[in-house]
Protein backbone atom coordinates (compact mmCIF):
# COMPACT_ATOMS: atom_id res chain seq x y z
CA UNK A 1 -0.27 -0.21 0.28
CA UNK A 2 1.12 3.36 -0.42
CA UNK A 3 -0.12 7.24 -0.68
CA UNK A 4 1.06 9.98 -3.05
CA UNK A 5 1.43 13.62 -1.94
CA UNK A 6 1.61 16.55 -3.77
CA UNK A 7 4.28 19.14 -2.44
CA UNK A 8 5.16 22.96 -3.69
CA UNK A 9 8.85 22.18 -3.00
CA UNK A 10 10.58 18.70 -3.20
CA UNK A 11 13.52 19.85 -2.03
CA UNK A 12 12.57 21.50 0.88
CA UNK A 13 10.31 18.43 1.77
CA UNK A 14 13.37 15.93 1.55
CA UNK A 15 15.47 18.06 3.74
CA UNK A 16 12.50 18.40 6.19
CA UNK A 17 12.07 14.67 6.27
CA UNK A 18 15.61 14.04 6.53
CA UNK A 19 15.99 16.11 9.59
CA UNK A 20 13.58 14.27 11.20
CA UNK A 21 15.27 11.20 11.09
CA UNK A 22 13.05 9.19 8.02
CA UNK A 23 14.68 7.21 5.68
CA UNK A 24 14.33 8.36 2.04
CA UNK A 25 14.40 6.65 -1.46
CA UNK A 26 14.14 7.88 -4.71
CA UNK A 27 11.89 6.39 -7.38
CA UNK A 28 13.25 6.28 -11.15
CA UNK A 29 10.83 9.55 -12.11
CA UNK A 30 12.52 11.37 -9.16
CA UNK A 31 10.01 11.51 -6.74
CA UNK A 32 10.81 10.58 -3.12
CA UNK A 33 9.62 8.33 -0.81
CA UNK A 34 9.47 7.14 2.84
CA UNK A 35 9.53 3.13 2.69
CA UNK A 36 6.70 1.62 4.02
CA UNK A 37 8.67 -0.22 6.88
CA UNK A 38 9.51 3.36 8.43
CA UNK A 39 5.44 4.51 7.78
CA UNK A 40 3.37 2.43 9.66
CA UNK A 41 2.98 -0.04 6.58
CA UNK A 42 1.82 2.09 3.59
CA UNK A 43 4.81 3.88 1.58
CA UNK A 44 4.36 7.83 1.41
CA UNK A 45 5.44 9.29 -2.01
CA UNK A 46 6.02 12.68 -2.15
CA UNK A 47 6.15 14.55 -5.47
CA UNK A 48 6.26 18.10 -7.15
CA UNK A 49 2.62 19.73 -7.40
CA UNK A 50 1.54 20.58 -10.97
CA UNK A 51 0.87 24.44 -10.43
CA UNK A 52 -3.14 24.89 -11.93
CA UNK A 53 -3.29 26.44 -15.36
CA UNK A 54 -4.36 29.86 -15.47
CA UNK A 55 -7.26 30.29 -17.20
CA UNK A 56 -7.71 33.31 -19.32
CA UNK A 57 -10.77 35.89 -18.45
């Protein structure tokens, strides 16, 4: 099982997780995740959020 979270700043998120002692891994696409064993049984994947498209008025 896993959960994916979109974040505004992946580098900042990675640093925050490391400072809090969580083990991190990286996916082939560059996303960062905390393995299931360190996250109570469900891997948590962090990926950059895609900004919403600007709609013309």
